[in-house]
Structure formats: C-alpha cells, structure tokens
Amino acid sequence: MAKLIYSAIASADGYVEDAAGSFDWAAPGEELFCFVNDLERPVGTYLYGRRMYETMLYWETAHTVPGQPFSVREFTGIWQAAEKIVFSKTLESVSSARTRIERDLDSGMVRQLKSAAEHDMTVGGADLAGQAIKAGLVDELQLFLVPIVVGGGKRALPNGIRSNLELLDTQRFASGAVYLRYRPRSA
C-alpha cells in the first residue's frame, strides 16, 4: 500500500507563508532542490488544494524557461509525470495534464487511492494537509525547516491536533536548512 506523505518547506518557527502571504524566503538552493527531487521521484500522485495547485502550475511550463538549473529541469519532469488531484469547491477546470478535480477530501476515497496505488502520494498545501492529518490519512511528514523566523502567517501544521511523532531521518544542508522525516505513532 502506498504512503500519503506531507512534505513542506517551512520557516524555523513553523510557517509555510509569512503574514503577507509570501514564501520567497523558502526557495531551495541547488543542494536542497536535488535532495527534494530524490524524495519526489518515486511519487505517483500529488493531492493539492486549489491554492497550492495554482502555485504548482508553474511546473507545467517551467521547461520552456531558458537557463534553468538542472534541479529545476529535473523537478519539472517529475511533476509533469505525476497524476494530480485538486480538491476544490470553486475550481471549474484544470490547466495541466494528468489532473482532475475532486470537490471534497473524502477519507474513504483517499484510503482507496492509497491501497490501489503503486507509488507513494503526497498531499500539498497546508490547509489540505491539515485536513488529511486530522483524518489520520498522513503516513509520513517530511519537513524542511529553513533558517528564518517570519513571526506569523500560514502554519505548516494544523492547530488543534496532537500527534506523537517518530523521527525516521534527518539531513543538514549547507544553507542551514534541516530536513526532518517523521512517522505518526499509533495511539
């Protein structure tokens, strides 16, 4: 059975966006980007909320931008090859290949997808990931903490939930970023 993984790049104080909605401070350097690509390569399906999907649409045409570094070109191919499911009540159509819309995050449907999938899946977007975490659907968290404190904004992890985590892996990067891989412990 495939795992559902929540992966996020966050500030050291736990935000994926600052109070102004910006996340330009989270842009990974080449070393971190290559590491992320290694993690993303085996992913077969991305689950997104509407806003995260609209942000990630860049990768549908990123290969047309001249002078991209290798890591960016590589991620473009990884992203384009994966299936994408966008959970949105308002989005009428999608503008990327291999993409479909679902109106609600249905736990039963996600469990069925996980049991049928040959490759792991990721959930992207803090709001959708928060719903999946609260529903007990997330099997692994991959958090990248970058060396900045932004003081507020959109939290990487949901409020109102407590979960004991088992540390599975760590990695330090020259930029000062740290990778933390966790598995929720069974209650």
C-alpha atoms as a PDB file:
ATOM      1  CA  MET A   1       0.000   0.000   0.000  1.00  0.00           C
ATOM      2  CA  ALA A   2       1.238   3.470  -0.870  1.00  0.00           C
ATOM      3  CA  LYS A   3       2.023   6.044   1.801  1.00  0.00           C
ATOM      4  CA  LEU A   4       0.498   9.510   1.912  1.00  0.00           C
ATOM      5  CA  ILE A   5       3.294  11.960   2.650  1.00  0.00           C
ATOM      6  CA  TYR A   6       3.010  15.588   3.698  1.00  0.00           C
ATOM      7  CA  SER A   7       6.106  17.480   2.597  1.00  0.00           C
ATOM      8  CA  ALA A   8       6.578  21.169   3.308  1.00  0.00           C
ATOM      9  CA  ILE A   9       9.275  23.810   3.376  1.00  0.00           C
ATOM     10  CA  ALA A  10       8.716  25.986   6.439  1.00  0.00           C
ATOM     11  CA  SER A  11      10.384  28.728   8.433  1.00  0.00           C
ATOM     12  CA  ALA A  12      12.165  27.747  11.644  1.00  0.00           C
ATOM     13  CA  ASP A  13       9.069  28.966  13.518  1.00  0.00           C
ATOM     14  CA  GLY A  14       6.787  26.685  11.503  1.00  0.00           C
ATOM     15  CA  TYR A  15       5.202  28.801   8.758  1.00  0.00           C
ATOM     16  CA  VAL A  16       4.897  27.974   5.047  1.00  0.00           C
ATOM     17  CA  GLU A  17       3.896  31.575   4.249  1.00  0.00           C
ATOM     18  CA  ASP A  18       4.670  34.757   6.126  1.00  0.00           C
ATOM     19  CA  ALA A  19       1.968  37.201   7.259  1.00  0.00           C
ATOM     20  CA  ALA A  20       1.980  38.862   3.815  1.00  0.00           C
ATOM     21  CA  GLY A  21       1.405  35.507   2.078  1.00  0.00           C
ATOM     22  CA  SER A  22       4.949  35.383   0.729  1.00  0.00           C
ATOM     23  CA  PHE A  23       7.169  32.321   0.686  1.00  0.00           C
ATOM     24  CA  ASP A  24      10.051  33.613  -1.465  1.00  0.00           C
ATOM     25  CA  TRP A  25      12.295  33.114   1.567  1.00  0.00           C
ATOM     26  CA  ALA A  26      11.696  29.353   1.230  1.00  0.00           C
ATOM     27  CA  ALA A  27      13.184  28.949  -2.276  1.00  0.00           C
ATOM     28  CA  PRO A  28      15.583  25.995  -2.066  1.00  0.00           C
ATOM     29  CA  GLY A  29      19.161  26.219  -3.259  1.00  0.00           C
ATOM     30  CA  GLU A  30      20.620  23.619  -5.615  1.00  0.00           C
ATOM     31  CA  GLU A  31      21.715  21.189  -2.871  1.00  0.00           C
ATOM     32  CA  LEU A  32      18.298  21.163  -1.199  1.00  0.00           C
ATOM     33  CA  PHE A  33      16.452  21.081  -4.522  1.00  0.00           C
ATOM     34  CA  CYS A  34      18.381  17.969  -5.620  1.00  0.00           C
ATOM     35  CA  PHE A  35      17.525  16.300  -2.294  1.00  0.00           C
ATOM     36  CA  VAL A  36      13.843  17.160  -2.751  1.00  0.00           C
ATOM     37  CA  ASN A  37      13.960  15.687  -6.263  1.00  0.00           C
ATOM     38  CA  ASP A  38      15.256  12.405  -4.835  1.00  0.00           C
ATOM     39  CA  LEU A  39      12.267  12.325  -2.476  1.00  0.00           C
ATOM     40  CA  GLU A  40       9.756  13.317  -5.167  1.00  0.00           C
ATOM     41  CA  ARG A  41      10.966  10.974  -7.913  1.00  0.00           C
ATOM     42  CA  PRO A  42       9.017   7.913  -6.629  1.00  0.00           C
ATOM     43  CA  VAL A  43       5.781   9.896  -6.034  1.00  0.00           C
ATOM     44  CA  GLY A  44       2.977   8.899  -8.375  1.00  0.00           C
ATOM     45  CA  THR A  45       0.193  11.263  -7.301  1.00  0.00           C
ATOM     46  CA  TYR A  46       0.038  14.760  -5.852  1.00  0.00           C
ATOM     47  CA  LEU A  47      -3.021  15.807  -3.853  1.00  0.00           C
ATOM     48  CA  TYR A  48      -3.433  19.589  -3.807  1.00  0.00           C
ATOM     49  CA  GLY A  49      -5.767  22.228  -2.535  1.00  0.00           C
ATOM     50  CA  ARG A  50      -6.698  24.877  -5.094  1.00  0.00           C
ATOM     51  CA  ARG A  51      -4.174  27.497  -3.994  1.00  0.00           C
ATOM     52  CA  MET A  52      -1.284  25.034  -3.906  1.00  0.00           C
ATOM     53  CA  TYR A  53      -2.293  23.698  -7.321  1.00  0.00           C
ATOM     54  CA  GLU A  54      -2.335  27.210  -8.755  1.00  0.00           C
ATOM     55  CA  THR A  55       1.143  27.799  -7.302  1.00  0.00           C
ATOM     56  CA  MET A  56       2.448  24.490  -8.667  1.00  0.00           C
ATOM     57  CA  LEU A  57       1.086  25.165 -12.185  1.00  0.00           C
ATOM     58  CA  TYR A  58       4.398  26.901 -12.846  1.00  0.00           C
ATOM     59  CA  TRP A  59       5.900  23.441 -13.357  1.00  0.00           C
ATOM     60  CA  GLU A  60       3.617  22.701 -16.298  1.00  0.00           C
ATOM     61  CA  THR A  61       5.659  25.147 -18.418  1.00  0.00           C
ATOM     62  CA  ALA A  62       8.887  25.584 -16.419  1.00  0.00           C
ATOM     63  CA  HIS A  63      10.769  23.601 -19.074  1.00  0.00           C
ATOM     64  CA  THR A  64      10.204  26.491 -21.516  1.00  0.00           C
ATOM     65  CA  VAL A  65      12.119  28.987 -19.351  1.00  0.00           C
ATOM     66  CA  PRO A  66      15.688  29.261 -20.642  1.00  0.00           C
ATOM     67  CA  GLY A  67      18.685  28.833 -18.369  1.00  0.00           C
ATOM     68  CA  GLN A  68      17.026  26.739 -15.664  1.00  0.00           C
ATOM     69  CA  PRO A  69      19.448  24.847 -13.407  1.00  0.00           C
ATOM     70  CA  PHE A  70      19.487  21.053 -13.603  1.00  0.00           C
ATOM     71  CA  SER A  71      17.459  20.589 -10.405  1.00  0.00           C
ATOM     72  CA  VAL A  72      14.637  22.759 -11.747  1.00  0.00           C
ATOM     73  CA  ARG A  73      14.578  20.958 -15.103  1.00  0.00           C
ATOM     74  CA  GLU A  74      14.569  17.620 -13.290  1.00  0.00           C
ATOM     75  CA  PHE A  75      11.707  18.572 -10.963  1.00  0.00           C
ATOM     76  CA  THR A  76       9.700  19.817 -13.930  1.00  0.00           C
ATOM     77  CA  GLY A  77       9.809  16.340 -15.454  1.00  0.00           C
ATOM     78  CA  ILE A  78       8.979  14.683 -12.131  1.00  0.00           C
ATOM     79  CA  TRP A  79       5.979  16.963 -11.610  1.00  0.00           C
ATOM     80  CA  GLN A  80       4.671  16.603 -15.135  1.00  0.00           C
ATOM     81  CA  ALA A  81       4.850  12.788 -14.994  1.00  0.00           C
ATOM     82  CA  ALA A  82       2.773  12.504 -11.812  1.00  0.00           C
ATOM     83  CA  GLU A  83      -1.002  12.351 -11.502  1.00  0.00           C
ATOM     84  CA  LYS A  84      -2.554  15.350  -9.778  1.00  0.00           C
ATOM     85  CA  ILE A  85      -5.836  15.601  -7.885  1.00  0.00           C
ATOM     86  CA  VAL A  86      -7.047  19.069  -6.929  1.00  0.00           C
ATOM     87  CA  PHE A  87      -9.536  19.345  -4.093  1.00  0.00           C
ATOM     88  CA  SER A  88     -11.597  22.466  -4.671  1.00  0.00           C
ATOM     89  CA  LYS A  89     -15.204  23.560  -4.420  1.00  0.00           C
ATOM     90  CA  THR A  90     -14.621  26.538  -6.732  1.00  0.00           C
ATOM     91  CA  LEU A  91     -12.144  25.481  -9.438  1.00  0.00           C
ATOM     92  CA  GLU A  92     -14.034  24.852 -12.683  1.00  0.00           C
ATOM     93  CA  SER A  93     -11.231  23.402 -14.806  1.00  0.00           C
ATOM     94  CA  VAL A  94      -7.560  22.483 -14.681  1.00  0.00           C
ATOM     95  CA  SER A  95      -4.791  23.600 -16.994  1.00  0.00           C
ATOM     96  CA  SER A  96      -2.273  20.821 -16.512  1.00  0.00           C
ATOM     97  CA  ALA A  97      -2.058  17.313 -17.904  1.00  0.00           C
ATOM     98  CA  ARG A  98      -2.817  14.255 -15.762  1.00  0.00           C
ATOM     99  CA  THR A  99      -5.015  16.349 -13.446  1.00  0.00           C
ATOM    100  CA  ARG A 100      -8.555  16.007 -12.153  1.00  0.00           C
ATOM    101  CA  ILE A 101     -10.760  17.896  -9.694  1.00  0.00           C
ATOM    102  CA  GLU A 102     -12.493  16.452  -6.644  1.00  0.00           C
ATOM    103  CA  ARG A 103     -14.817  18.671  -4.628  1.00  0.00           C
ATOM    104  CA  ASP A 104     -14.082  17.330  -1.119  1.00  0.00           C
ATOM    105  CA  LEU A 105     -11.305  15.458   0.637  1.00  0.00           C
ATOM    106  CA  ASP A 106     -13.057  12.147   1.197  1.00  0.00           C
ATOM    107  CA  SER A 107     -11.156   9.891   3.613  1.00  0.00           C
ATOM    108  CA  GLY A 108     -12.572   6.726   2.069  1.00  0.00           C
ATOM    109  CA  MET A 109     -11.540   7.759  -1.419  1.00  0.00           C
ATOM    110  CA  VAL A 110      -8.014   8.651  -0.249  1.00  0.00           C
ATOM    111  CA  ARG A 111      -7.678   5.313   1.560  1.00  0.00           C
ATOM    112  CA  GLN A 112      -8.842   3.546  -1.603  1.00  0.00           C
ATOM    113  CA  LEU A 113      -6.310   5.502  -3.682  1.00  0.00           C
ATOM    114  CA  LYS A 114      -3.547   4.555  -1.239  1.00  0.00           C
ATOM    115  CA  SER A 115      -4.435   0.870  -1.339  1.00  0.00           C
ATOM    116  CA  ALA A 116      -4.557   0.801  -5.149  1.00  0.00           C
ATOM    117  CA  ALA A 117      -1.511   2.996  -5.843  1.00  0.00           C
ATOM    118  CA  GLU A 118       1.800   1.526  -6.945  1.00  0.00           C
ATOM    119  CA  HIS A 119       3.671   4.666  -5.888  1.00  0.00           C
ATOM    120  CA  ASP A 120       3.522   6.915  -2.856  1.00  0.00           C
ATOM    121  CA  MET A 121       1.346  10.017  -2.859  1.00  0.00           C
ATOM    122  CA  THR A 122       1.927  13.463  -1.398  1.00  0.00           C
ATOM    123  CA  VAL A 123      -0.504  15.994  -0.043  1.00  0.00           C
ATOM    124  CA  GLY A 124       0.425  19.610  -0.703  1.00  0.00           C
ATOM    125  CA  GLY A 125      -0.905  22.798   0.758  1.00  0.00           C
ATOM    126  CA  ALA A 126      -1.078  23.364   4.481  1.00  0.00           C
ATOM    127  CA  ASP A 127      -4.877  23.551   4.609  1.00  0.00           C
ATOM    128  CA  LEU A 128      -5.472  20.294   2.720  1.00  0.00           C
ATOM    129  CA  ALA A 129      -2.606  18.594   4.550  1.00  0.00           C
ATOM    130  CA  GLY A 130      -4.138  19.726   7.847  1.00  0.00           C
ATOM    131  CA  GLN A 131      -7.419  18.061   6.874  1.00  0.00           C
ATOM    132  CA  ALA A 132      -5.568  14.871   5.909  1.00  0.00           C
ATOM    133  CA  ILE A 133      -3.561  14.873   9.152  1.00  0.00           C
ATOM    134  CA  LYS A 134      -6.710  15.373  11.237  1.00  0.00           C
ATOM    135  CA  ALA A 135      -8.378  12.497   9.338  1.00  0.00           C
ATOM    136  CA  GLY A 136      -5.438  10.192  10.115  1.00  0.00           C
ATOM    137  CA  LEU A 137      -4.537   9.789   6.440  1.00  0.00           C
ATOM    138  CA  VAL A 138      -0.935  11.026   6.540  1.00  0.00           C
ATOM    139  CA  ASP A 139       1.643   8.268   6.990  1.00  0.00           C
ATOM    140  CA  GLU A 140       4.752  10.427   6.939  1.00  0.00           C
ATOM    141  CA  LEU A 141       5.777  14.065   7.373  1.00  0.00           C
ATOM    142  CA  GLN A 142       8.789  15.480   5.549  1.00  0.00           C
ATOM    143  CA  LEU A 143       9.522  18.919   6.921  1.00  0.00           C
ATOM    144  CA  PHE A 144      12.262  21.205   5.656  1.00  0.00           C
ATOM    145  CA  LEU A 145      12.966  23.999   8.113  1.00  0.00           C
ATOM    146  CA  VAL A 146      14.838  26.965   6.637  1.00  0.00           C
ATOM    147  CA  PRO A 147      16.888  29.311   8.804  1.00  0.00           C
ATOM    148  CA  ILE A 148      14.470  32.210   9.046  1.00  0.00           C
ATOM    149  CA  VAL A 149      11.884  33.294  11.599  1.00  0.00           C
ATOM    150  CA  VAL A 150       8.935  35.029   9.933  1.00  0.00           C
ATOM    151  CA  GLY A 151       6.840  35.640  13.053  1.00  0.00           C
ATOM    152  CA  GLY A 152       3.450  34.636  11.678  1.00  0.00           C
ATOM    153  CA  GLY A 153       1.466  33.634   8.635  1.00  0.00           C
ATOM    154  CA  LYS A 154       0.157  30.255   7.479  1.00  0.00           C
ATOM    155  CA  ARG A 155       1.233  27.421   9.750  1.00  0.00           C
ATOM    156  CA  ALA A 156       2.795  24.289   8.263  1.00  0.00           C
ATOM    157  CA  LEU A 157       0.933  22.052  10.728  1.00  0.00           C
ATOM    158  CA  PRO A 158      -2.683  22.324  11.850  1.00  0.00           C
ATOM    159  CA  ASN A 159      -3.829  23.753  15.157  1.00  0.00           C
ATOM    160  CA  GLY A 160      -5.945  21.655  17.464  1.00  0.00           C
ATOM    161  CA  ILE A 161      -4.351  18.285  16.905  1.00  0.00           C
ATOM    162  CA  ARG A 162      -1.830  16.395  18.961  1.00  0.00           C
ATOM    163  CA  SER A 163       0.260  13.621  17.448  1.00  0.00           C
ATOM    164  CA  ASN A 164       3.340  11.883  18.769  1.00  0.00           C
ATOM    165  CA  LEU A 165       5.901  11.510  16.024  1.00  0.00           C
ATOM    166  CA  GLU A 166       8.699   9.032  15.490  1.00  0.00           C
ATOM    167  CA  LEU A 167      11.833  10.567  13.946  1.00  0.00           C
ATOM    168  CA  LEU A 168      12.903   8.487  10.932  1.00  0.00           C
ATOM    169  CA  ASP A 169      15.603  10.617   9.322  1.00  0.00           C
ATOM    170  CA  THR A 170      17.379  13.973   9.399  1.00  0.00           C
ATOM    171  CA  GLN A 171      19.633  15.837   6.995  1.00  0.00           C
ATOM    172  CA  ARG A 172      21.509  19.131   7.336  1.00  0.00           C
ATOM    173  CA  PHE A 173      22.251  21.388   4.376  1.00  0.00           C
ATOM    174  CA  ALA A 174      24.983  23.965   3.816  1.00  0.00           C
ATOM    175  CA  SER A 175      22.290  26.670   3.644  1.00  0.00           C
ATOM    176  CA  GLY A 176      21.366  25.972   7.264  1.00  0.00           C
ATOM    177  CA  ALA A 177      18.132  24.210   6.298  1.00  0.00           C
ATOM    178  CA  VAL A 178      17.268  20.972   8.094  1.00  0.00           C
ATOM    179  CA  TYR A 179      15.205  18.013   6.844  1.00  0.00           C
ATOM    180  CA  LEU A 180      13.108  16.152   9.416  1.00  0.00           C
ATOM    181  CA  ARG A 181      11.251  12.984   8.444  1.00  0.00           C
ATOM    182  CA  TYR A 182       8.631  11.699  10.855  1.00  0.00           C
ATOM    183  CA  ARG A 183       6.016   8.973  11.090  1.00  0.00           C
ATOM    184  CA  PRO A 184       2.955   9.492  13.306  1.00  0.00           C
ATOM    185  CA  ARG A 185       2.999   6.980  16.152  1.00  0.00           C
ATOM    186  CA  SER A 186      -0.064   4.860  16.653  1.00  0.00           C
ATOM    187  CA  ALA A 187      -2.153   5.890  19.634  1.00  0.00           C
END
